[in-house]
PDB file of N, CA and C in Angstrom:
ATOM      1  N   MET A   1     -26.294 -13.140 -13.538  1.00  0.00           N
ATOM      2  CA  MET A   1     -25.484 -12.145 -14.123  1.00  0.00           C
ATOM      3  C   MET A   1     -24.441 -11.550 -13.167  1.00  0.00           C
ATOM      4  N   LYS A   2     -24.868 -11.416 -11.897  1.00  0.00           N
ATOM      5  CA  LYS A   2     -23.997 -10.906 -10.849  1.00  0.00           C
ATOM      6  C   LYS A   2     -22.805 -11.896 -10.657  1.00  0.00           C
ATOM      7  N   ASP A   3     -23.079 -13.143 -10.610  1.00  0.00           N
ATOM      8  CA  ASP A   3     -21.954 -14.152 -10.454  1.00  0.00           C
ATOM      9  C   ASP A   3     -21.053 -14.143 -11.612  1.00  0.00           C
ATOM     10  N   PHE A   4     -21.577 -13.906 -12.809  1.00  0.00           N
ATOM     11  CA  PHE A   4     -20.701 -13.864 -14.023  1.00  0.00           C
ATOM     12  C   PHE A   4     -19.768 -12.666 -13.919  1.00  0.00           C
ATOM     13  N   ILE A   5     -20.307 -11.511 -13.511  1.00  0.00           N
ATOM     14  CA  ILE A   5     -19.506 -10.246 -13.494  1.00  0.00           C
ATOM     15  C   ILE A   5     -18.509 -10.473 -12.283  1.00  0.00           C
ATOM     16  N   GLN A   6     -18.827 -11.015 -11.224  1.00  0.00           N
ATOM     17  CA  GLN A   6     -17.908 -11.222 -10.141  1.00  0.00           C
ATOM     18  C   GLN A   6     -16.757 -12.173 -10.576  1.00  0.00           C
ATOM     19  N   SER A   7     -17.080 -13.205 -11.301  1.00  0.00           N
ATOM     20  CA  SER A   7     -16.038 -14.133 -11.755  1.00  0.00           C
ATOM     21  C   SER A   7     -15.102 -13.496 -12.703  1.00  0.00           C
ATOM     22  N   ILE A   8     -15.623 -12.617 -13.579  1.00  0.00           N
ATOM     23  CA  ILE A   8     -14.706 -11.855 -14.453  1.00  0.00           C
ATOM     24  C   ILE A   8     -13.850 -10.902 -13.680  1.00  0.00           C
ATOM     25  N   GLY A   9     -14.422 -10.280 -12.692  1.00  0.00           N
ATOM     26  CA  GLY A   9     -13.654  -9.323 -11.901  1.00  0.00           C
ATOM     27  C   GLY A   9     -12.593 -10.032 -11.089  1.00  0.00           C
ATOM     28  N   ASP A  10     -12.833 -11.252 -10.554  1.00  0.00           N
ATOM     29  CA  ASP A  10     -11.775 -12.011  -9.891  1.00  0.00           C
ATOM     30  C   ASP A  10     -10.672 -12.391 -10.840  1.00  0.00           C
ATOM     31  N   LYS A  11     -10.971 -12.836 -12.044  1.00  0.00           N
ATOM     32  CA  LYS A  11      -9.995 -13.150 -13.045  1.00  0.00           C
ATOM     33  C   LYS A  11      -9.147 -11.889 -13.488  1.00  0.00           C
ATOM     34  N   PHE A  12      -9.906 -10.788 -13.633  1.00  0.00           N
ATOM     35  CA  PHE A  12      -9.209  -9.574 -13.991  1.00  0.00           C
ATOM     36  C   PHE A  12      -8.231  -9.079 -12.902  1.00  0.00           C
ATOM     37  N   LEU A  13      -8.683  -9.213 -11.643  1.00  0.00           N
ATOM     38  CA  LEU A  13      -7.731  -8.927 -10.490  1.00  0.00           C
ATOM     39  C   LEU A  13      -6.599  -9.798 -10.460  1.00  0.00           C
ATOM     40  N   ALA A  14      -6.810 -11.110 -10.683  1.00  0.00           N
ATOM     41  CA  ALA A  14      -5.737 -12.139 -10.623  1.00  0.00           C
ATOM     42  C   ALA A  14      -4.708 -11.903 -11.758  1.00  0.00           C
ATOM     43  N   ILE A  15      -5.155 -11.416 -12.881  1.00  0.00           N
ATOM     44  CA  ILE A  15      -4.241 -11.093 -13.927  1.00  0.00           C
ATOM     45  C   ILE A  15      -3.370  -9.948 -13.541  1.00  0.00           C
ATOM     46  N   PHE A  16      -3.979  -8.921 -12.960  1.00  0.00           N
ATOM     47  CA  PHE A  16      -3.175  -7.775 -12.536  1.00  0.00           C
ATOM     48  C   PHE A  16      -2.198  -8.165 -11.373  1.00  0.00           C
ATOM     49  N   VAL A  17      -2.571  -9.104 -10.480  1.00  0.00           N
ATOM     50  CA  VAL A  17      -1.579  -9.552  -9.532  1.00  0.00           C
ATOM     51  C   VAL A  17      -0.380 -10.157 -10.122  1.00  0.00           C
ATOM     52  N   VAL A  18      -0.675 -11.069 -11.161  1.00  0.00           N
ATOM     53  CA  VAL A  18       0.446 -11.698 -11.848  1.00  0.00           C
ATOM     54  C   VAL A  18       1.296 -10.759 -12.533  1.00  0.00           C
ATOM     55  N   LEU A  19       0.763  -9.800 -13.218  1.00  0.00           N
ATOM     56  CA  LEU A  19       1.478  -8.754 -14.002  1.00  0.00           C
ATOM     57  C   LEU A  19       2.310  -7.895 -13.040  1.00  0.00           C
ATOM     58  N   ALA A  20       1.712  -7.522 -11.873  1.00  0.00           N
ATOM     59  CA  ALA A  20       2.516  -6.799 -10.858  1.00  0.00           C
ATOM     60  C   ALA A  20       3.744  -7.543 -10.390  1.00  0.00           C
ATOM     61  N   TYR A  21       3.552  -8.859 -10.128  1.00  0.00           N
ATOM     62  CA  TYR A  21       4.684  -9.651  -9.675  1.00  0.00           C
ATOM     63  C   TYR A  21       5.762  -9.760 -10.726  1.00  0.00           C
ATOM     64  N   ILE A  22       5.339  -9.919 -11.954  1.00  0.00           N
ATOM     65  CA  ILE A  22       6.260  -9.944 -13.001  1.00  0.00           C
ATOM     66  C   ILE A  22       7.014  -8.618 -13.169  1.00  0.00           C
ATOM     67  N   GLY A  23       6.284  -7.571 -13.028  1.00  0.00           N
ATOM     68  CA  GLY A  23       6.928  -6.194 -13.105  1.00  0.00           C
ATOM     69  C   GLY A  23       7.952  -5.993 -11.891  1.00  0.00           C
ATOM     70  N   VAL A  24       7.576  -6.438 -10.758  1.00  0.00           N
ATOM     71  CA  VAL A  24       8.507  -6.282  -9.644  1.00  0.00           C
ATOM     72  C   VAL A  24       9.796  -7.135  -9.848  1.00  0.00           C
ATOM     73  N   LEU A  25       9.603  -8.309 -10.399  1.00  0.00           N
ATOM     74  CA  LEU A  25      10.737  -9.255 -10.605  1.00  0.00           C
ATOM     75  C   LEU A  25      11.581  -8.616 -11.695  1.00  0.00           C
ATOM     76  N   ALA A  26      11.036  -8.062 -12.732  1.00  0.00           N
ATOM     77  CA  ALA A  26      11.872  -7.436 -13.813  1.00  0.00           C
ATOM     78  C   ALA A  26      12.616  -6.140 -13.270  1.00  0.00           C
ATOM     79  N   ALA A  27      11.956  -5.345 -12.452  1.00  0.00           N
ATOM     80  CA  ALA A  27      12.602  -4.174 -11.854  1.00  0.00           C
ATOM     81  C   ALA A  27      13.693  -4.621 -10.983  1.00  0.00           C
ATOM     82  N   GLY A  28      13.547  -5.689 -10.245  1.00  0.00           N
ATOM     83  CA  GLY A  28      14.655  -6.150  -9.364  1.00  0.00           C
ATOM     84  C   GLY A  28      15.790  -6.649 -10.105  1.00  0.00           C
ATOM     85  N   ILE A  29      15.551  -7.437 -11.137  1.00  0.00           N
ATOM     86  CA  ILE A  29      16.652  -7.947 -12.017  1.00  0.00           C
ATOM     87  C   ILE A  29      17.356  -6.756 -12.765  1.00  0.00           C
ATOM     88  N   ASN A  30      16.539  -5.836 -13.124  1.00  0.00           N
ATOM     89  CA  ASN A  30      17.117  -4.659 -13.800  1.00  0.00           C
ATOM     90  C   ASN A  30      18.010  -3.828 -12.791  1.00  0.00           C
ATOM     91  N   SER A  31      17.520  -3.755 -11.611  1.00  0.00           N
ATOM     92  CA  SER A  31      18.348  -3.042 -10.586  1.00  0.00           C
ATOM     93  C   SER A  31      19.623  -3.805 -10.245  1.00  0.00           C
ATOM     94  N   MET A  32      19.543  -5.060 -10.315  1.00  0.00           N
ATOM     95  CA  MET A  32      20.806  -5.897 -10.001  1.00  0.00           C
ATOM     96  C   MET A  32      21.838  -5.692 -11.102  1.00  0.00           C
ATOM     97  N   GLN A  33      21.408  -5.472 -12.360  1.00  0.00           N
ATOM     98  CA  GLN A  33      22.372  -5.299 -13.450  1.00  0.00           C
ATOM     99  C   GLN A  33      22.632  -3.859 -13.819  1.00  0.00           C
ATOM    100  N   GLY A  34      22.033  -2.927 -13.122  1.00  0.00           N
ATOM    101  CA  GLY A  34      22.224  -1.553 -13.364  1.00  0.00           C
ATOM    102  C   GLY A  34      23.545  -1.087 -12.763  1.00  0.00           C
ATOM    103  N   TYR A  35      23.972   0.110 -13.192  1.00  0.00           N
ATOM    104  CA  TYR A  35      25.175   0.744 -12.732  1.00  0.00           C
ATOM    105  C   TYR A  35      25.056   1.269 -11.271  1.00  0.00           C
ATOM    106  N   ASN A  36      23.930   1.791 -11.036  1.00  0.00           N
ATOM    107  CA  ASN A  36      23.757   2.459  -9.659  1.00  0.00           C
ATOM    108  C   ASN A  36      23.345   1.404  -8.578  1.00  0.00           C
ATOM    109  N   GLY A  37      22.799   0.271  -8.927  1.00  0.00           N
ATOM    110  CA  GLY A  37      22.403  -0.655  -7.979  1.00  0.00           C
ATOM    111  C   GLY A  37      23.403  -1.720  -7.754  1.00  0.00           C
ATOM    112  N   GLY A  38      22.969  -2.786  -7.177  1.00  0.00           N
ATOM    113  CA  GLY A  38      23.772  -3.954  -6.926  1.00  0.00           C
ATOM    114  C   GLY A  38      22.987  -5.112  -6.612  1.00  0.00           C
ATOM    115  N   PHE A  39      23.603  -6.192  -6.244  1.00  0.00           N
ATOM    116  CA  PHE A  39      22.785  -7.427  -6.051  1.00  0.00           C
ATOM    117  C   PHE A  39      21.831  -7.147  -4.852  1.00  0.00           C
ATOM    118  N   TRP A  40      22.365  -6.576  -3.779  1.00  0.00           N
ATOM    119  CA  TRP A  40      21.526  -6.397  -2.594  1.00  0.00           C
ATOM    120  C   TRP A  40      20.404  -5.362  -2.858  1.00  0.00           C
ATOM    121  N   ALA A  41      20.700  -4.325  -3.634  1.00  0.00           N
ATOM    122  CA  ALA A  41      19.635  -3.404  -3.967  1.00  0.00           C
ATOM    123  C   ALA A  41      18.489  -4.078  -4.791  1.00  0.00           C
ATOM    124  N   GLY A  42      18.941  -4.895  -5.700  1.00  0.00           N
ATOM    125  CA  GLY A  42      17.934  -5.640  -6.527  1.00  0.00           C
ATOM    126  C   GLY A  42      17.144  -6.577  -5.623  1.00  0.00           C
ATOM    127  N   MET A  43      17.812  -7.284  -4.670  1.00  0.00           N
ATOM    128  CA  MET A  43      17.046  -8.120  -3.800  1.00  0.00           C
ATOM    129  C   MET A  43      16.075  -7.323  -2.981  1.00  0.00           C
ATOM    130  N   GLY A  44      16.559  -6.164  -2.523  1.00  0.00           N
ATOM    131  CA  GLY A  44      15.634  -5.351  -1.714  1.00  0.00           C
ATOM    132  C   GLY A  44      14.398  -4.900  -2.522  1.00  0.00           C
ATOM    133  N   VAL A  45      14.598  -4.610  -3.803  1.00  0.00           N
ATOM    134  CA  VAL A  45      13.533  -4.199  -4.685  1.00  0.00           C
ATOM    135  C   VAL A  45      12.554  -5.357  -4.820  1.00  0.00           C
ATOM    136  N   ILE A  46      13.127  -6.586  -5.039  1.00  0.00           N
ATOM    137  CA  ILE A  46      12.189  -7.785  -5.243  1.00  0.00           C
ATOM    138  C   ILE A  46      11.468  -8.107  -3.924  1.00  0.00           C
ATOM    139  N   ILE A  47      12.117  -8.102  -2.784  1.00  0.00           N
ATOM    140  CA  ILE A  47      11.502  -8.527  -1.645  1.00  0.00           C
ATOM    141  C   ILE A  47      10.506  -7.420  -1.189  1.00  0.00           C
ATOM    142  N   GLY A  48      10.878  -6.164  -1.277  1.00  0.00           N
ATOM    143  CA  GLY A  48       9.964  -5.082  -0.892  1.00  0.00           C
ATOM    144  C   GLY A  48       8.730  -4.936  -1.860  1.00  0.00           C
ATOM    145  N   GLY A  49       9.124  -5.196  -3.092  1.00  0.00           N
ATOM    146  CA  GLY A  49       8.026  -5.101  -4.133  1.00  0.00           C
ATOM    147  C   GLY A  49       7.025  -6.255  -3.962  1.00  0.00           C
ATOM    148  N   PHE A  50       7.529  -7.462  -3.607  1.00  0.00           N
ATOM    149  CA  PHE A  50       6.590  -8.605  -3.464  1.00  0.00           C
ATOM    150  C   PHE A  50       5.677  -8.307  -2.270  1.00  0.00           C
ATOM    151  N   LEU A  51       6.268  -7.801  -1.153  1.00  0.00           N
ATOM    152  CA  LEU A  51       5.521  -7.515   0.032  1.00  0.00           C
ATOM    153  C   LEU A  51       4.519  -6.370  -0.252  1.00  0.00           C
ATOM    154  N   SER A  52       4.942  -5.341  -0.981  1.00  0.00           N
ATOM    155  CA  SER A  52       3.996  -4.235  -1.273  1.00  0.00           C
ATOM    156  C   SER A  52       2.875  -4.705  -2.103  1.00  0.00           C
ATOM    157  N   VAL A  53       3.177  -5.472  -3.203  1.00  0.00           N
ATOM    158  CA  VAL A  53       2.036  -5.977  -4.034  1.00  0.00           C
ATOM    159  C   VAL A  53       1.164  -6.867  -3.323  1.00  0.00           C
ATOM    160  N   SER A  54       1.697  -7.740  -2.515  1.00  0.00           N
ATOM    161  CA  SER A  54       0.794  -8.637  -1.740  1.00  0.00           C
ATOM    162  C   SER A  54      -0.061  -7.886  -0.730  1.00  0.00           C
ATOM    163  N   MET A  55       0.433  -6.935  -0.060  1.00  0.00           N
ATOM    164  CA  MET A  55      -0.401  -6.132   0.904  1.00  0.00           C
ATOM    165  C   MET A  55      -1.417  -5.277   0.107  1.00  0.00           C
ATOM    166  N   PHE A  56      -1.039  -4.716  -0.932  1.00  0.00           N
ATOM    167  CA  PHE A  56      -1.979  -3.894  -1.706  1.00  0.00           C
ATOM    168  C   PHE A  56      -3.132  -4.696  -2.286  1.00  0.00           C
ATOM    169  N   PHE A  57      -2.855  -5.904  -2.889  1.00  0.00           N
ATOM    170  CA  PHE A  57      -3.999  -6.628  -3.419  1.00  0.00           C
ATOM    171  C   PHE A  57      -4.721  -7.322  -2.258  1.00  0.00           C
ATOM    172  N   TYR A  58      -4.093  -7.653  -1.204  1.00  0.00           N
ATOM    173  CA  TYR A  58      -4.876  -8.260  -0.042  1.00  0.00           C
ATOM    174  C   TYR A  58      -5.838  -7.226   0.530  1.00  0.00           C
ATOM    175  N   SER A  59      -5.416  -5.888   0.594  1.00  0.00           N
ATOM    176  CA  SER A  59      -6.322  -4.858   1.028  1.00  0.00           C
ATOM    177  C   SER A  59      -7.478  -4.662   0.089  1.00  0.00           C
ATOM    178  N   ILE A  60      -7.283  -4.868  -1.211  1.00  0.00           N
ATOM    179  CA  ILE A  60      -8.391  -4.824  -2.215  1.00  0.00           C
ATOM    180  C   ILE A  60      -9.341  -5.960  -2.020  1.00  0.00           C
ATOM    181  N   TYR A  61      -8.846  -7.120  -1.813  1.00  0.00           N
ATOM    182  CA  TYR A  61      -9.708  -8.323  -1.478  1.00  0.00           C
ATOM    183  C   TYR A  61     -10.434  -8.066  -0.233  1.00  0.00           C
ATOM    184  N   VAL A  62      -9.886  -7.535   0.825  1.00  0.00           N
ATOM    185  CA  VAL A  62     -10.525  -7.259   2.005  1.00  0.00           C
ATOM    186  C   VAL A  62     -11.655  -6.226   1.923  1.00  0.00           C
ATOM    187  N   LEU A  63     -11.378  -5.165   1.103  1.00  0.00           N
ATOM    188  CA  LEU A  63     -12.416  -4.176   0.877  1.00  0.00           C
ATOM    189  C   LEU A  63     -13.574  -4.780   0.051  1.00  0.00           C
ATOM    190  N   ILE A  64     -13.335  -5.641  -0.880  1.00  0.00           N
ATOM    191  CA  ILE A  64     -14.399  -6.268  -1.569  1.00  0.00           C
ATOM    192  C   ILE A  64     -15.227  -7.191  -0.711  1.00  0.00           C
ATOM    193  N   ASP A  65     -14.589  -7.867   0.247  1.00  0.00           N
ATOM    194  CA  ASP A  65     -15.235  -8.677   1.143  1.00  0.00           C
ATOM    195  C   ASP A  65     -16.103  -7.921   2.164  1.00  0.00           C
ATOM    196  N   ILE A  66     -15.642  -6.814   2.608  1.00  0.00           N
ATOM    197  CA  ILE A  66     -16.411  -5.943   3.402  1.00  0.00           C
ATOM    198  C   ILE A  66     -17.635  -5.415   2.753  1.00  0.00           C
ATOM    199  N   ARG A  67     -17.469  -4.981   1.484  1.00  0.00           N
ATOM    200  CA  ARG A  67     -18.594  -4.521   0.700  1.00  0.00           C
ATOM    201  C   ARG A  67     -19.665  -5.645   0.564  1.00  0.00           C
ATOM    202  N   ASP A  68     -19.251  -6.851   0.212  1.00  0.00           N
ATOM    203  CA  ASP A  68     -20.219  -7.918   0.172  1.00  0.00           C
ATOM    204  C   ASP A  68     -20.837  -8.267   1.456  1.00  0.00           C
ATOM    205  N   SER A  69     -20.223  -8.170   2.623  1.00  0.00           N
ATOM    206  CA  SER A  69     -20.806  -8.374   3.919  1.00  0.00           C
ATOM    207  C   SER A  69     -21.816  -7.290   4.173  1.00  0.00           C
ATOM    208  N   LEU A  70     -21.503  -6.039   3.819  1.00  0.00           N
ATOM    209  CA  LEU A  70     -22.466  -4.970   4.118  1.00  0.00           C
ATOM    210  C   LEU A  70     -23.624  -5.108   3.196  1.00  0.00           C
ATOM    211  N   ARG A  71     -23.550  -5.587   1.975  1.00  0.00           N
ATOM    212  CA  ARG A  71     -24.707  -5.825   1.202  1.00  0.00           C
ATOM    213  C   ARG A  71     -25.565  -6.909   1.775  1.00  0.00           C
ATOM    214  N   GLU A  72     -24.931  -8.009   2.296  1.00  0.00           N
ATOM    215  CA  GLU A  72     -25.719  -9.062   2.923  1.00  0.00           C
ATOM    216  C   GLU A  72     -26.489  -8.541   4.166  1.00  0.00           C
ATOM    217  N   ILE A  73     -25.912  -7.700   4.990  1.00  0.00           N
ATOM    218  CA  ILE A  73     -26.528  -7.156   6.076  1.00  0.00           C
ATOM    219  C   ILE A  73     -27.653  -6.269   5.622  1.00  0.00           C
ATOM    220  N   LYS A  74     -27.461  -5.462   4.650  1.00  0.00           N
ATOM    221  CA  LYS A  74     -28.533  -4.613   4.070  1.00  0.00           C
ATOM    222  C   LYS A  74     -29.675  -5.396   3.619  1.00  0.00           C
ATOM    223  N   ASP A  75     -29.457  -6.490   2.955  1.00  0.00           N
ATOM    224  CA  ASP A  75     -30.543  -7.286   2.462  1.00  0.00           C
ATOM    225  C   ASP A  75     -31.327  -7.988   3.513  1.00  0.00           C
ATOM    226  N   LYS A  76     -30.794  -8.183   4.663  1.00  0.00           N
ATOM    227  CA  LYS A  76     -31.547  -8.791   5.783  1.00  0.00           C
ATOM    228  C   LYS A  76     -32.454  -7.772   6.422  1.00  0.00           C
TER     229      LYS A  76
END
């Protein structure tokens, strides 16, 4: 049961990653076409957003891995 819940959690997190990347891409394109932005502002949004999303979800994966390691240590 635990493996089933973890596999669903991994898929759920992966779906959020994809949705976040799509949101960043849409925001960057919207900024490129907006009145206050420009091409370089949109590129900044896209690049900065991709880096931010990547670092955020990487930190979540690291925290999950730390939790799993601590549980293994506790079980020993």
